[in-house]
Amino acid sequence: MGDLLRSGFFRYTHSAVFKVCAVLTAVFAFLFSYKIYDAAELNEFWFVCGSIVFAVMITFIIGNETSKCIRNKIPTGHTKTEVYFAELILANMFVVIFFAVFLAAAAVLNFRLFSHIPPLLALQTIFGFLCMSLLFANVFASLTCIIPSKTASAIVCLVLIIALFLTSTVVGQALKEREFYRVGELRDGEWVHWEEKNSKYVDEPWRSVLTFYRDANPYGQRSAYDEILLPFLYNDGSWEKAKEATANTIGNDFLKREVSESEQEFLNNTPFAILAPIPVFVLVGWLIFRKRSFK
């Protein structure tokens, strides 16, 4: 398998698709960092863009390989299993490299803000985001290996990204609806207030179903990380604009200093929940890939 990895590394680094994706990653890192500084928010849009970059890079580079060169590799002594896992290893390796570049750029450009994050929280968040990147890498690579057409695999991956993002957004907004809202009217010269049931509030058992989906969706998980991180970024009292923007986003808790017990539980358990589906995707992809006919 060593020669497959070496040739694959050369194939990635000398691919025009890889170079374009590397440039886009750097651009997205800059825009993501600027948005943190300018608007006091961790915008999910750039996470989606990063996922799309991963999908394009993996599907087109692996797609070329599994539709052409593999016909020569298998007869020369390389099994389908070796080829499959070599492609997965390469996909994971380059996604980690892109993730490191994105993270380093964001940290350097926003060092003043990021310095407010407790070291343990920073490490747990980085690990969680890395796990999400690895999940996408394995899903995209597995799909590309089992779908004969690289164009079809790219479309499937992009549709998957958009579907996960949109459903996460809709579900997140639905779960934020309050069960009751306060209304009032003027009666005999005095205001009378009472509470009414919010028709948009999702009751049980659907609330538990939506909560489970939000917590299992990578974009829902990332939003939860953002809600924990954001109050720590703006502890600098001189940043009035950031404080005002943060207060508008999450309330007046911009001087937050400690992670709550429930948040710590989330930080401890979520990476395992993110990584859990990877063996399933890899195994299913391997079983299907072994049955593919390359003529």
Foldseek 3Di string as FASTA:
>chain_A
DVVLLVVLVVLLVPDPLNVVLLVVLLVLLVVQLVCCVPQLARDCVSVLVNLLSLLSSLLVSVLVCLQPVVLVVCVVPDALVNNLVSSLVVSLVVLVVSLVSSVVSSCVSQVLLVVLDPPVLVVLLSLLVSLLSSLSSLLLSLLSLQDNHSVVSSVVSNVVSVVLQVLLVVLVVLQPDDQWDKDWDADPNDIDIDIDGDPSHDDPPVNVVSVVSLLLRSSSLVVLSRLQSSLRRPLDPVPVSSQVSVCVVNNNSSNDRDDDPVSVVSSVPSSCSSNVCSVVSSVVSSVSSNPDDHD
